[in-house]
Amino acid sequence: MGCLVAFVAMGVAKGSYASEFKIGYVDLRIALNESEPGKKAKAELESTINIRQAAVEEKGKAIEKLKSDLEKQGSVLSVEARKTKEEEVERMIKDYQRLVQDSQADVKKREEKLTVSIVKELRNIIDKIGREENYSLILENAESIILYSQKNVDITEQVIKRYNESKATPKAENK
């Protein structure tokens, strides 16, 4: 990317292409989080997280209760009964760890499924804006790499607006 920026800077500095270049950038993270489909995906993901988290917490409480019961009854239990309870606690802990891992994997998979299609659609919108408005170059401002630019170079809000409009149109036609 550094070479590309240097090339553009050289062309602008020489003046030969200065009037032909139109450059913009988009922060896809902001566009994803602030677009209506992105907000819906985020809410859906939060719902999934809450459901998974409730199951994990329930399992954790059951383990804590079993541990507490074991501590309370430990002195009156036979060696065999104590060993059985300890094995049950160990089994529940393993199940708990597996549940946590499965939950994390499920949330990550769900997030990827929800965001990949949105990012693809956002890129299509960016492509359309680029062609329609004769941009020479549209960059992604990933992790705020662009340190300075004029405000009119940031087209993130325009992309969000166009994306929201593209998603709202089919709903209006269905009514």
Foldseek 3Di string as FASTA:
>chain_A
DVVVVVVVVVCCVVVPCVVQADAAEAAVVCLLCPAPLSVVLVVVLVVLLVVLVVVLVVLVVVLVVLVVVCVVCVVVDDPVVSVVSVVVSVVSVVVSVVSVVVSVVVSVVSSCVSVVVVSVVLVVLVVVCCVVVVHPYYYYCYPNPPPDDPPVRYCHVVSSVVSNVVVVVVVVVVD
